[in-house]
Structures are given as C-alpha cells and as structure tokens.
C-alpha atoms as a PDB file:
ATOM      1  CA  MET A   1      66.301 100.282  86.889  1.00  0.00           C
ATOM      2  CA  ASP A   2      64.622  99.038  89.956  1.00  0.00           C
ATOM      3  CA  LEU A   3      65.194  95.728  91.406  1.00  0.00           C
ATOM      4  CA  ASP A   4      62.417  94.654  93.525  1.00  0.00           C
ATOM      5  CA  MET A   5      63.105  92.406  96.511  1.00  0.00           C
ATOM      6  CA  SER A   6      60.891  91.510  99.021  1.00  0.00           C
ATOM      7  CA  ILE A   7      61.546  92.222 102.753  1.00  0.00           C
ATOM      8  CA  HIS A   8      60.024  90.576 105.703  1.00  0.00           C
ATOM      9  CA  THR A   9      59.423  92.768 108.834  1.00  0.00           C
ATOM     10  CA  THR A  10      59.306  91.979 112.316  1.00  0.00           C
ATOM     11  CA  ASP A  11      57.091  94.056 115.007  1.00  0.00           C
ATOM     12  CA  ILE A  12      58.956  95.480 117.609  1.00  0.00           C
ATOM     13  CA  ALA A  13      56.903  93.643 120.098  1.00  0.00           C
ATOM     14  CA  ALA A  14      57.408  90.176 118.524  1.00  0.00           C
ATOM     15  CA  PRO A  15      58.935  87.805 121.150  1.00  0.00           C
ATOM     16  CA  ALA A  16      61.911  85.378 119.751  1.00  0.00           C
ATOM     17  CA  VAL A  17      61.367  82.128 119.191  1.00  0.00           C
ATOM     18  CA  PRO A  18      62.197  79.187 121.955  1.00  0.00           C
ATOM     19  CA  ALA A  19      63.516  76.423 119.236  1.00  0.00           C
ATOM     20  CA  ILE A  20      65.649  79.258 117.396  1.00  0.00           C
ATOM     21  CA  ALA A  21      67.265  80.989 120.690  1.00  0.00           C
ATOM     22  CA  THR A  22      68.196  77.060 121.612  1.00  0.00           C
ATOM     23  CA  ARG A  23      69.600  76.750 118.359  1.00  0.00           C
ATOM     24  CA  ALA A  24      71.584  79.899 118.704  1.00  0.00           C
ATOM     25  CA  ASP A  25      73.346  78.661 121.554  1.00  0.00           C
ATOM     26  CA  THR A  26      75.084  75.633 119.878  1.00  0.00           C
ATOM     27  CA  LEU A  27      76.306  78.735 117.177  1.00  0.00           C
ATOM     28  CA  ARG A  28      79.277  81.032 117.097  1.00  0.00           C
ATOM     29  CA  ILE A  29      78.062  84.523 117.939  1.00  0.00           C
ATOM     30  CA  ALA A  30      80.160  87.411 117.372  1.00  0.00           C
ATOM     31  CA  ILE A  31      79.089  91.022 118.762  1.00  0.00           C
ATOM     32  CA  LEU A  32      81.073  93.767 116.654  1.00  0.00           C
ATOM     33  CA  ILE A  33      81.343  96.956 118.078  1.00  0.00           C
ATOM     34  CA  PRO A  34      83.330  99.659 116.331  1.00  0.00           C
ATOM     35  CA  CYS A  35      84.316 102.578 118.441  1.00  0.00           C
ATOM     36  CA  TYR A  36      85.954 105.805 118.525  1.00  0.00           C
ATOM     37  CA  ASP A  37      86.004 107.946 121.457  1.00  0.00           C
ATOM     38  CA  GLU A  38      83.217 106.004 123.262  1.00  0.00           C
ATOM     39  CA  ALA A  39      84.653 105.819 126.761  1.00  0.00           C
ATOM     40  CA  ALA A  40      81.438 107.394 128.287  1.00  0.00           C
ATOM     41  CA  THR A  41      79.416 104.726 126.828  1.00  0.00           C
ATOM     42  CA  VAL A  42      81.129 101.487 125.772  1.00  0.00           C
ATOM     43  CA  GLY A  43      81.494  99.922 129.073  1.00  0.00           C
ATOM     44  CA  ASN A  44      77.719 100.118 129.310  1.00  0.00           C
ATOM     45  CA  VAL A  45      77.030  98.827 126.062  1.00  0.00           C
ATOM     46  CA  VAL A  46      79.499  95.677 126.554  1.00  0.00           C
ATOM     47  CA  ARG A  47      77.615  94.836 129.602  1.00  0.00           C
ATOM     48  CA  ASN A  48      74.573  95.001 128.287  1.00  0.00           C
ATOM     49  CA  PHE A  49      75.281  92.900 125.289  1.00  0.00           C
ATOM     50  CA  LYS A  50      76.827  90.471 127.727  1.00  0.00           C
ATOM     51  CA  GLU A  51      73.631  90.224 129.514  1.00  0.00           C
ATOM     52  CA  ALA A  52      71.651  90.045 126.660  1.00  0.00           C
ATOM     53  CA  LEU A  53      73.827  87.273 124.782  1.00  0.00           C
ATOM     54  CA  PRO A  54      75.951  85.783 127.251  1.00  0.00           C
ATOM     55  CA  GLN A  55      77.050  83.142 125.141  1.00  0.00           C
ATOM     56  CA  ALA A  56      78.179  86.059 122.859  1.00  0.00           C
ATOM     57  CA  ASP A  57      82.017  87.080 122.042  1.00  0.00           C
ATOM     58  CA  ILE A  58      82.089  90.765 122.108  1.00  0.00           C
ATOM     59  CA  TYR A  59      84.606  92.284 120.149  1.00  0.00           C
ATOM     60  CA  VAL A  60      85.378  96.288 120.018  1.00  0.00           C
ATOM     61  CA  TYR A  61      87.607  97.927 117.382  1.00  0.00           C
ATOM     62  CA  ASP A  62      89.174 101.075 118.878  1.00  0.00           C
ATOM     63  CA  ASN A  63      89.706 103.335 115.899  1.00  0.00           C
ATOM     64  CA  ASN A  64      92.391 105.436 117.360  1.00  0.00           C
ATOM     65  CA  SER A  65      90.385 106.923 120.269  1.00  0.00           C
ATOM     66  CA  LYS A  66      91.849 109.779 122.544  1.00  0.00           C
ATOM     67  CA  ASP A  67      90.066 108.511 125.263  1.00  0.00           C
ATOM     68  CA  ASP A  68      90.016 105.592 127.365  1.00  0.00           C
ATOM     69  CA  THR A  69      87.640 103.666 125.120  1.00  0.00           C
ATOM     70  CA  ALA A  70      89.761 100.397 124.743  1.00  0.00           C
ATOM     71  CA  ALA A  71      90.544 100.235 128.419  1.00  0.00           C
ATOM     72  CA  VAL A  72      86.875 100.816 129.584  1.00  0.00           C
ATOM     73  CA  ALA A  73      85.944  98.212 126.887  1.00  0.00           C
ATOM     74  CA  LYS A  74      88.506  95.560 128.293  1.00  0.00           C
ATOM     75  CA  ALA A  75      87.437  96.128 131.758  1.00  0.00           C
ATOM     76  CA  ALA A  76      83.398  95.410 130.688  1.00  0.00           C
ATOM     77  CA  GLY A  77      84.583  92.090 129.545  1.00  0.00           C
ATOM     78  CA  ALA A  78      85.295  92.708 125.819  1.00  0.00           C
ATOM     79  CA  ILE A  79      87.941  91.673 123.469  1.00  0.00           C
ATOM     80  CA  VAL A  80      89.523  94.591 122.220  1.00  0.00           C
ATOM     81  CA  ARG A  81      91.624  95.205 119.386  1.00  0.00           C
ATOM     82  CA  THR A  82      92.554  98.288 117.334  1.00  0.00           C
ATOM     83  CA  GLU A  83      92.576  99.369 113.710  1.00  0.00           C
ATOM     84  CA  ARG A  84      94.948 102.356 112.704  1.00  0.00           C
ATOM     85  CA  ARG A  85      93.488 103.480 109.398  1.00  0.00           C
ATOM     86  CA  GLN A  86      90.470 105.984 110.377  1.00  0.00           C
ATOM     87  CA  GLY A  87      86.848 105.675 109.489  1.00  0.00           C
ATOM     88  CA  LYS A  88      84.124 102.876 110.310  1.00  0.00           C
ATOM     89  CA  GLY A  89      84.265 101.371 106.658  1.00  0.00           C
ATOM     90  CA  ASN A  90      87.987 100.594 107.599  1.00  0.00           C
ATOM     91  CA  VAL A  91      86.988  99.437 110.866  1.00  0.00           C
ATOM     92  CA  VAL A  92      84.050  96.800 109.640  1.00  0.00           C
ATOM     93  CA  ARG A  93      86.744  95.358 106.781  1.00  0.00           C
ATOM     94  CA  ARG A  94      88.820  94.796 109.612  1.00  0.00           C
ATOM     95  CA  MET A  95      86.597  93.135 111.705  1.00  0.00           C
ATOM     96  CA  PHE A  96      85.104  91.447 108.813  1.00  0.00           C
ATOM     97  CA  SER A  97      88.458  89.913 107.627  1.00  0.00           C
ATOM     98  CA  ASP A  98      89.720  88.759 111.681  1.00  0.00           C
ATOM     99  CA  ILE A  99      86.681  87.586 113.392  1.00  0.00           C
ATOM    100  CA  GLU A 100      85.561  83.850 112.608  1.00  0.00           C
ATOM    101  CA  ALA A 101      81.791  83.048 113.537  1.00  0.00           C
ATOM    102  CA  ASP A 102      78.492  81.644 112.254  1.00  0.00           C
ATOM    103  CA  ILE A 103      76.556  84.898 113.078  1.00  0.00           C
ATOM    104  CA  TYR A 104      77.625  88.573 113.419  1.00  0.00           C
ATOM    105  CA  LEU A 105      75.618  90.972 115.168  1.00  0.00           C
ATOM    106  CA  MET A 106      77.058  94.545 114.635  1.00  0.00           C
ATOM    107  CA  ALA A 107      76.179  97.902 116.767  1.00  0.00           C
ATOM    108  CA  ASP A 108      77.685 101.161 117.672  1.00  0.00           C
ATOM    109  CA  GLY A 109      79.367 102.130 121.037  1.00  0.00           C
ATOM    110  CA  ASP A 110      77.199 105.050 121.436  1.00  0.00           C
ATOM    111  CA  ASP A 111      74.431 103.232 123.556  1.00  0.00           C
ATOM    112  CA  THR A 112      71.610 104.132 121.466  1.00  0.00           C
ATOM    113  CA  TYR A 113      70.808 100.825 120.568  1.00  0.00           C
ATOM    114  CA  ASP A 114      68.425  98.152 122.244  1.00  0.00           C
ATOM    115  CA  ALA A 115      70.373  95.468 123.619  1.00  0.00           C
ATOM    116  CA  PRO A 116      67.802  93.262 124.596  1.00  0.00           C
ATOM    117  CA  SER A 117      66.489  93.195 120.630  1.00  0.00           C
ATOM    118  CA  ALA A 118      69.931  91.428 119.959  1.00  0.00           C
ATOM    119  CA  GLU A 119      68.023  87.996 120.869  1.00  0.00           C
ATOM    120  CA  ARG A 120      64.868  88.624 118.377  1.00  0.00           C
ATOM    121  CA  ILE A 121      67.535  89.791 115.390  1.00  0.00           C
ATOM    122  CA  ILE A 122      69.286  86.789 115.870  1.00  0.00           C
ATOM    123  CA  ALA A 123      66.054  84.712 115.883  1.00  0.00           C
ATOM    124  CA  GLU A 124      64.974  86.374 112.638  1.00  0.00           C
ATOM    125  CA  LEU A 125      68.166  85.388 111.026  1.00  0.00           C
ATOM    126  CA  LEU A 126      67.875  82.037 111.963  1.00  0.00           C
ATOM    127  CA  GLU A 127      64.177  81.870 111.593  1.00  0.00           C
ATOM    128  CA  GLY A 128      64.417  82.644 107.722  1.00  0.00           C
ATOM    129  CA  PRO A 129      67.275  81.985 107.215  1.00  0.00           C
ATOM    130  CA  TYR A 130      68.480  85.465 106.159  1.00  0.00           C
ATOM    131  CA  ASP A 131      71.663  86.791 105.166  1.00  0.00           C
ATOM    132  CA  MET A 132      71.238  90.083 106.826  1.00  0.00           C
ATOM    133  CA  VAL A 133      68.558  91.486 109.258  1.00  0.00           C
ATOM    134  CA  ASN A 134      68.431  95.023 109.458  1.00  0.00           C
ATOM    135  CA  GLY A 135      67.678  96.751 112.887  1.00  0.00           C
ATOM    136  CA  ALA A 136      64.932  99.503 111.890  1.00  0.00           C
ATOM    137  CA  ARG A 137      65.400 102.319 114.406  1.00  0.00           C
ATOM    138  CA  THR A 138      61.975 103.435 116.177  1.00  0.00           C
ATOM    139  CA  ALA A 139      62.940 106.505 118.313  1.00  0.00           C
ATOM    140  CA  ARG A 140      61.984 106.221 122.065  1.00  0.00           C
ATOM    141  CA  SER A 141      62.052 110.132 122.408  1.00  0.00           C
ATOM    142  CA  SER A 142      62.032 113.091 119.718  1.00  0.00           C
ATOM    143  CA  ASP A 143      65.870 113.831 120.736  1.00  0.00           C
ATOM    144  CA  ALA A 144      66.940 110.428 119.457  1.00  0.00           C
ATOM    145  CA  TYR A 145      67.073 111.384 115.996  1.00  0.00           C
ATOM    146  CA  ARG A 146      68.182 115.179 114.842  1.00  0.00           C
ATOM    147  CA  PRO A 147      65.596 116.155 112.205  1.00  0.00           C
ATOM    148  CA  GLY A 148      68.181 116.953 109.533  1.00  0.00           C
ATOM    149  CA  HIS A 149      69.477 113.228 110.029  1.00  0.00           C
ATOM    150  CA  ALA A 150      65.767 111.778 109.741  1.00  0.00           C
ATOM    151  CA  PHE A 151      65.086 113.346 106.496  1.00  0.00           C
ATOM    152  CA  GLY A 152      68.642 112.573 105.294  1.00  0.00           C
ATOM    153  CA  ASN A 153      68.085 108.910 106.127  1.00  0.00           C
ATOM    154  CA  LYS A 154      64.709 109.071 104.430  1.00  0.00           C
ATOM    155  CA  LEU A 155      66.049 110.601 101.250  1.00  0.00           C
ATOM    156  CA  LEU A 156      68.963 108.312 100.887  1.00  0.00           C
ATOM    157  CA  THR A 157      67.401 105.212 101.515  1.00  0.00           C
ATOM    158  CA  GLY A 158      64.594 106.157  99.051  1.00  0.00           C
ATOM    159  CA  LEU A 159      67.371 106.885  96.515  1.00  0.00           C
ATOM    160  CA  VAL A 160      69.004 103.484  97.018  1.00  0.00           C
ATOM    161  CA  ARG A 161      65.433 101.448  96.858  1.00  0.00           C
ATOM    162  CA  LEU A 162      65.101 103.562  93.503  1.00  0.00           C
ATOM    163  CA  ILE A 163      68.148 102.404  91.955  1.00  0.00           C
ATOM    164  CA  PHE A 164      68.932  99.048  93.279  1.00  0.00           C
ATOM    165  CA  GLY A 165      65.597  97.687  94.806  1.00  0.00           C
ATOM    166  CA  THR A 166      63.621  97.410  98.127  1.00  0.00           C
ATOM    167  CA  ALA A 167      65.858  95.830 101.337  1.00  0.00           C
ATOM    168  CA  THR A 168      65.284  98.011 104.243  1.00  0.00           C
ATOM    169  CA  ARG A 169      63.401 101.092 105.255  1.00  0.00           C
ATOM    170  CA  ASP A 170      66.344 102.485 107.562  1.00  0.00           C
ATOM    171  CA  MET A 171      69.322 101.892 105.177  1.00  0.00           C
ATOM    172  CA  LEU A 172      71.649 103.997 108.249  1.00  0.00           C
ATOM    173  CA  SER A 173      71.149 101.860 111.313  1.00  0.00           C
ATOM    174  CA  GLY A 174      74.101 100.373 112.616  1.00  0.00           C
ATOM    175  CA  TYR A 175      72.359  97.770 114.230  1.00  0.00           C
ATOM    176  CA  LYS A 176      72.601  94.383 112.002  1.00  0.00           C
ATOM    177  CA  ALA A 177      72.955  90.857 112.061  1.00  0.00           C
ATOM    178  CA  PHE A 178      74.688  88.640 109.063  1.00  0.00           C
ATOM    179  CA  SER A 179      75.096  85.190 108.102  1.00  0.00           C
ATOM    180  CA  ARG A 180      79.006  83.970 107.967  1.00  0.00           C
ATOM    181  CA  ARG A 181      78.449  83.818 104.023  1.00  0.00           C
ATOM    182  CA  TYR A 182      77.556  87.195 104.015  1.00  0.00           C
ATOM    183  CA  VAL A 183      80.391  88.839 106.038  1.00  0.00           C
ATOM    184  CA  LYS A 184      82.944  86.372 103.933  1.00  0.00           C
ATOM    185  CA  SER A 185      81.769  87.405 100.582  1.00  0.00           C
ATOM    186  CA  PHE A 186      81.248  91.279 101.378  1.00  0.00           C
ATOM    187  CA  PRO A 187      84.522  93.277  99.669  1.00  0.00           C
ATOM    188  CA  ALA A 188      84.381  96.408 102.166  1.00  0.00           C
ATOM    189  CA  MET A 189      85.582  98.919 100.195  1.00  0.00           C
ATOM    190  CA  SER A 190      84.301 102.169 101.886  1.00  0.00           C
ATOM    191  CA  ALA A 191      86.384 103.968 104.640  1.00  0.00           C
ATOM    192  CA  GLY A 192      83.883 105.923 106.513  1.00  0.00           C
ATOM    193  CA  PHE A 193      79.959 105.892 107.843  1.00  0.00           C
ATOM    194  CA  GLU A 194      78.967 105.456 104.039  1.00  0.00           C
ATOM    195  CA  ILE A 195      80.125 101.493 104.994  1.00  0.00           C
ATOM    196  CA  GLU A 196      76.130 101.372 105.951  1.00  0.00           C
ATOM    197  CA  THR A 197      75.281 102.134 102.479  1.00  0.00           C
ATOM    198  CA  GLU A 198      77.328  99.441 100.769  1.00  0.00           C
ATOM    199  CA  LEU A 199      76.150  97.116 103.386  1.00  0.00           C
ATOM    200  CA  VAL A 200      72.803  97.171 101.925  1.00  0.00           C
ATOM    201  CA  VAL A 201      73.629  97.450  98.235  1.00  0.00           C
ATOM    202  CA  HIS A 202      75.886  94.404  98.323  1.00  0.00           C
ATOM    203  CA  ALA A 203      73.132  92.399  99.707  1.00  0.00           C
ATOM    204  CA  LEU A 204      70.688  93.543  96.869  1.00  0.00           C
ATOM    205  CA  GLU A 205      72.970  92.721  94.104  1.00  0.00           C
ATOM    206  CA  LEU A 206      73.890  89.224  95.367  1.00  0.00           C
ATOM    207  CA  ARG A 207      69.888  88.669  95.613  1.00  0.00           C
ATOM    208  CA  MET A 208      70.606  87.743  99.326  1.00  0.00           C
ATOM    209  CA  PRO A 209      67.405  86.916 101.302  1.00  0.00           C
ATOM    210  CA  VAL A 210      66.868  89.972 103.639  1.00  0.00           C
ATOM    211  CA  SER A 211      64.591  91.160 106.587  1.00  0.00           C
ATOM    212  CA  GLU A 212      64.277  93.885 109.204  1.00  0.00           C
ATOM    213  CA  VAL A 213      63.200  94.127 113.044  1.00  0.00           C
ATOM    214  CA  GLU A 214      61.980  97.216 114.567  1.00  0.00           C
ATOM    215  CA  THR A 215      64.027  98.095 117.775  1.00  0.00           C
ATOM    216  CA  PRO A 216      63.922 100.851 119.967  1.00  0.00           C
ATOM    217  CA  TYR A 217      66.447 103.869 119.272  1.00  0.00           C
ATOM    218  CA  GLY A 218      67.648 105.863 121.910  1.00  0.00           C
ATOM    219  CA  GLU A 219      69.536 109.331 122.338  1.00  0.00           C
ATOM    220  CA  ARG A 220      73.060 109.506 123.299  1.00  0.00           C
ATOM    221  CA  PRO A 221      73.775 109.657 127.189  1.00  0.00           C
ATOM    222  CA  GLU A 222      75.198 112.807 128.543  1.00  0.00           C
ATOM    223  CA  GLY A 223      78.734 113.260 127.950  1.00  0.00           C
ATOM    224  CA  SER A 224      78.490 111.121 124.933  1.00  0.00           C
ATOM    225  CA  GLU A 225      78.989 113.257 121.170  1.00  0.00           C
ATOM    226  CA  SER A 226      77.914 111.869 117.906  1.00  0.00           C
ATOM    227  CA  LYS A 227      80.610 111.512 115.224  1.00  0.00           C
ATOM    228  CA  LEU A 228      78.340 111.976 112.442  1.00  0.00           C
ATOM    229  CA  ARG A 229      78.695 115.282 110.224  1.00  0.00           C
ATOM    230  CA  THR A 230      74.980 115.919 108.706  1.00  0.00           C
ATOM    231  CA  PHE A 231      76.526 117.560 105.353  1.00  0.00           C
ATOM    232  CA  ARG A 232      79.847 116.034 104.860  1.00  0.00           C
ATOM    233  CA  ASP A 233      78.877 112.113 105.440  1.00  0.00           C
ATOM    234  CA  ALA A 234      75.548 112.659 103.291  1.00  0.00           C
ATOM    235  CA  PHE A 235      78.010 113.759 100.748  1.00  0.00           C
ATOM    236  CA  ARG A 236      80.317 110.844 101.048  1.00  0.00           C
ATOM    237  CA  ILE A 237      77.258 108.689 100.720  1.00  0.00           C
ATOM    238  CA  LEU A 238      75.891 110.375  97.722  1.00  0.00           C
ATOM    239  CA  ARG A 239      79.202 109.795  96.115  1.00  0.00           C
ATOM    240  CA  LEU A 240      79.388 105.709  97.120  1.00  0.00           C
ATOM    241  CA  ILE A 241      75.742 105.685  95.333  1.00  0.00           C
ATOM    242  CA  GLY A 242      77.150 107.345  92.379  1.00  0.00           C
ATOM    243  CA  LEU A 243      80.144 105.158  92.538  1.00  0.00           C
ATOM    244  CA  LEU A 244      77.798 102.002  92.873  1.00  0.00           C
ATOM    245  CA  VAL A 245      75.823 103.051  90.409  1.00  0.00           C
ATOM    246  CA  LYS A 246      78.472 103.169  87.936  1.00  0.00           C
ATOM    247  CA  GLU A 247      80.297  99.844  89.091  1.00  0.00           C
ATOM    248  CA  GLU A 248      77.060  97.911  89.478  1.00  0.00           C
ATOM    249  CA  ARG A 249      74.706  99.478  86.788  1.00  0.00           C
ATOM    250  CA  PRO A 250      77.168 100.630  84.020  1.00  0.00           C
ATOM    251  CA  LEU A 251      74.827 100.382  81.516  1.00  0.00           C
ATOM    252  CA  TYR A 252      72.471 102.864  82.852  1.00  0.00           C
ATOM    253  CA  PHE A 253      75.162 105.288  84.145  1.00  0.00           C
ATOM    254  CA  PHE A 254      76.938 105.675  80.492  1.00  0.00           C
ATOM    255  CA  ALA A 255      73.220 105.492  78.893  1.00  0.00           C
ATOM    256  CA  PHE A 256      72.637 108.560  80.927  1.00  0.00           C
ATOM    257  CA  ILE A 257      75.743 110.285  80.232  1.00  0.00           C
ATOM    258  CA  ALA A 258      75.248 109.612  76.344  1.00  0.00           C
ATOM    259  CA  SER A 259      71.897 110.932  76.465  1.00  0.00           C
ATOM    260  CA  VAL A 260      72.901 114.160  77.787  1.00  0.00           C
ATOM    261  CA  ILE A 261      75.514 114.381  75.396  1.00  0.00           C
ATOM    262  CA  ALA A 262      73.610 113.603  72.528  1.00  0.00           C
ATOM    263  CA  VAL A 263      70.757 115.985  73.554  1.00  0.00           C
ATOM    264  CA  GLY A 264      73.523 118.669  73.510  1.00  0.00           C
ATOM    265  CA  SER A 265      74.668 117.654  70.030  1.00  0.00           C
ATOM    266  CA  ILE A 266      71.224 117.726  68.635  1.00  0.00           C
ATOM    267  CA  ALA A 267      70.632 121.275  70.089  1.00  0.00           C
ATOM    268  CA  LEU A 268      73.984 122.587  68.323  1.00  0.00           C
ATOM    269  CA  GLY A 269      73.466 120.554  65.208  1.00  0.00           C
ATOM    270  CA  ALA A 270      69.804 121.136  64.448  1.00  0.00           C
ATOM    271  CA  SER A 271      70.209 124.582  62.918  1.00  0.00           C
ATOM    272  CA  VAL A 272      73.354 123.733  61.303  1.00  0.00           C
ATOM    273  CA  VAL A 273      71.191 120.929  59.605  1.00  0.00           C
ATOM    274  CA  VAL A 274      68.081 123.005  58.657  1.00  0.00           C
ATOM    275  CA  GLU A 275      70.581 125.665  57.326  1.00  0.00           C
ATOM    276  CA  TYR A 276      72.158 122.991  55.145  1.00  0.00           C
ATOM    277  CA  ILE A 277      68.880 121.466  53.896  1.00  0.00           C
ATOM    278  CA  SER A 278      67.517 125.119  52.834  1.00  0.00           C
ATOM    279  CA  THR A 279      71.015 126.641  51.388  1.00  0.00           C
ATOM    280  CA  GLY A 280      73.167 123.353  50.461  1.00  0.00           C
ATOM    281  CA  LEU A 281      75.902 125.397  52.836  1.00  0.00           C
ATOM    282  CA  VAL A 282      77.425 124.942  56.059  1.00  0.00           C
ATOM    283  CA  PRO A 283      78.678 128.630  57.160  1.00  0.00           C
ATOM    284  CA  ARG A 284      79.133 127.406  60.585  1.00  0.00           C
ATOM    285  CA  LEU A 285      81.545 124.701  60.472  1.00  0.00           C
ATOM    286  CA  PRO A 286      83.183 124.620  63.924  1.00  0.00           C
ATOM    287  CA  THR A 287      79.599 124.453  65.441  1.00  0.00           C
ATOM    288  CA  ALA A 288      79.156 121.283  62.858  1.00  0.00           C
ATOM    289  CA  VAL A 289      82.227 119.696  63.998  1.00  0.00           C
ATOM    290  CA  LEU A 290      81.533 120.099  67.647  1.00  0.00           C
ATOM    291  CA  ALA A 291      77.817 118.785  67.118  1.00  0.00           C
ATOM    292  CA  THR A 292      79.390 115.650  65.222  1.00  0.00           C
ATOM    293  CA  GLY A 293      82.177 115.283  67.862  1.00  0.00           C
ATOM    294  CA  MET A 294      79.585 115.139  70.561  1.00  0.00           C
ATOM    295  CA  MET A 295      77.140 112.713  69.021  1.00  0.00           C
ATOM    296  CA  LEU A 296      80.277 110.510  68.331  1.00  0.00           C
ATOM    297  CA  THR A 297      81.077 110.825  72.112  1.00  0.00           C
ATOM    298  CA  SER A 298      77.856 109.850  73.146  1.00  0.00           C
ATOM    299  CA  MET A 299      77.905 106.671  70.956  1.00  0.00           C
ATOM    300  CA  LEU A 300      81.337 105.518  72.724  1.00  0.00           C
ATOM    301  CA  CYS A 301      79.740 106.230  75.924  1.00  0.00           C
ATOM    302  CA  LEU A 302      76.847 103.885  75.287  1.00  0.00           C
ATOM    303  CA  VAL A 303      79.311 101.115  73.840  1.00  0.00           C
ATOM    304  CA  CYS A 304      81.324 101.361  76.889  1.00  0.00           C
ATOM    305  CA  GLY A 305      78.355 101.093  78.807  1.00  0.00           C
ATOM    306  CA  LEU A 306      77.084  97.827  77.065  1.00  0.00           C
ATOM    307  CA  ILE A 307      80.815  96.329  77.453  1.00  0.00           C
ATOM    308  CA  LEU A 308      81.127  97.062  81.059  1.00  0.00           C
ATOM    309  CA  ASP A 309      77.421  95.785  82.093  1.00  0.00           C
ATOM    310  CA  THR A 310      78.996  92.469  80.488  1.00  0.00           C
ATOM    311  CA  VAL A 311      82.109  92.613  82.459  1.00  0.00           C
ATOM    312  CA  THR A 312      79.977  93.551  85.415  1.00  0.00           C
ATOM    313  CA  THR A 313      77.562  90.493  85.075  1.00  0.00           C
ATOM    314  CA  GLY A 314      80.471  88.022  84.951  1.00  0.00           C
ATOM    315  CA  ARG A 315      81.703  89.675  88.266  1.00  0.00           C
ATOM    316  CA  ARG A 316      78.691  89.422  90.010  1.00  0.00           C
ATOM    317  CA  GLU A 317      78.642  85.791  88.879  1.00  0.00           C
ATOM    318  CA  LEU A 318      81.851  85.186  90.512  1.00  0.00           C
ATOM    319  CA  LYS A 319      80.664  86.947  93.468  1.00  0.00           C
ATOM    320  CA  ARG A 320      77.314  84.992  93.799  1.00  0.00           C
ATOM    321  CA  LEU A 321      79.420  81.795  93.552  1.00  0.00           C
ATOM    322  CA  HIS A 322      81.948  82.719  96.302  1.00  0.00           C
ATOM    323  CA  TYR A 323      78.944  83.461  98.679  1.00  0.00           C
ATOM    324  CA  LEU A 324      77.033  80.062  97.827  1.00  0.00           C
ATOM    325  CA  GLY A 325      80.647  78.591  99.033  1.00  0.00           C
ATOM    326  CA  PHE A 326      79.239  78.903 102.651  1.00  0.00           C
ATOM    327  CA  ARG A 327      76.567  77.116 104.372  1.00  0.00           C
ATOM    328  CA  ALA A 328      73.409  79.059 104.884  1.00  0.00           C
ATOM    329  CA  PRO A 329      72.901  80.001 108.763  1.00  0.00           C
END
C-alpha cells in the first residue's frame, strides 16, 4: 500500500543560491494569504513578505471576516479579494483558479510563519526543480505548538505516509510553494483545513518531485486567535483520508471491506458446515442463508474494487497528462 517517494530536506540555516534568486526575479511570483478574522496580524504579514520578496504580488483572500482584515491588508499593500464560501479549502480553490503566476507561495495570515524563509523556499523550488516545497515548522518556543496539535500532526502525517507514501514530515504546515503545473492540475475538492492533506496526497498520486525546507515557526501574537478546533478538524482530516483511500486506492479499500465481511461469513457458516458434514442436515437454515449472502457480498465488494482500480488508473493517467501540459518551473 505504501508508495515510497524520496524527499529532499534543506536545513533551516541553508542560504539561498544567488543564481536561483536572480532567476526568481524574472518570474511571476504570487504570495497567497487566506484570511479569516486576522486584522490583528495580516498587516504585519503583508509587510514582512513585501520586504522578503519585493518583486512578488501579494494576494489576501478574505473569507467572510467579521473584523477589518480586508481593510488592514489593503492598507499594507496587498491585493485583496473575497471568497464567500466559508473554509480554507474553498479559499485555496478560488485562489488557484483566479491567479496566474509562475510560482505560488502560500502562507497563513496569523504571523506565525517566517517571511524571510520565503526566498529559501522558492530557491529550493527552482533548484530542483520541484513542484511543491513544504515549509516544515521548527518551533521557536514551547508555546508555538499546542501539545494536542503537535501529536495530531505527527499521527495524521504518519498515517498518510503509511497509506500514500513519503512526501513530508509536517503535512499540516500552511507554508508551501508550488509550481504553476501543480496549481493548475490540482482539483481542490476539500472545503476546510483538511485541504493541507489533499495538497500532499495530490503530489504523491501524480508522483511529483517534492522537497521540504525547515522554517522557524512562532506563536500567535497577542490578540490573535487560532481558528483550528483540535477534535473537529482532526475528524475532518481523518474523514478526508478515508475518502482519498476510497478514491485513490479503491482496490485496497474494498478488499478490506470484503475481508471483514468474509471473516464474518466464515465465522457464522463454519458451524453450519461442520454440522452438515456430521449429520447431513442443515437445521439452522437462516444462519446458512446469512453466511452465504455475506460471502456473496464479500465477492461483490472485491469485484467492485478491481473495476474501480482500473477506473482510477485511467483517471490518474489523464491527470498526469494534464499536469505535463505545463512547463517545469
């Protein structure tokens, strides 16, 4: 079930390559910042990224904020747009659809990500070249990560690595750089924070070249509040992983269900078969019928998995061809 995929990791102190940085000046760079009620921090985020990457266009997408997020971002020099559908996944879908660029850098508007690391992340993307570079978070202090979030991140990242393969050590980081061909081939089906999982699985399924750069991660400034809900969002991510297994690994998904049903059928029918061999009678006819029906259902599940696995392979090939229609960064 594991699709092994090599990952290149750059140390947090590695300097940007000057030649690559010069090349980045000739490319269109878009910095994407999805925001919901981030008036306390978004101005500082925009200013920091303008200083780190003065040649980039900075887009802030306001997601029905109840405070002055849009006004503060505009005053700081960002291009401000609005997405009415609530949820980070809906915002990312809109940003990827609307914005045209050669390189896309995405960060949150909570001022926890290190803007000066943007140059190293983009240099890594171009040097590969890679289609996605993940900013793996390194906490600046013990308050940057809540214990529940750190444990959940490791658990969910490990689960995705087990099922889909290796791509990152910090799947839920919101600090990522993408090539144009990644962005324009990404379907973006998620609505909320589970979009981070979908971004990683998309790269794995199309076997894109992926890298990772360690970046400092700070705690939220005073007056800024996290929108993450530990248990609710963890459940939504687990639900998405289950859905992605069904969609991208249907043979494994339905084979597992078939196995469970088959075990139940054997457990029910074994005593009936033994009794029939001993006496030539089937006194527990309902049990025999149920066991037979469960075994037939098991076989149907397995056949469905085989058929859907063929369909998924064809769909993956079409996505790959669409992805290859765009040039590498």
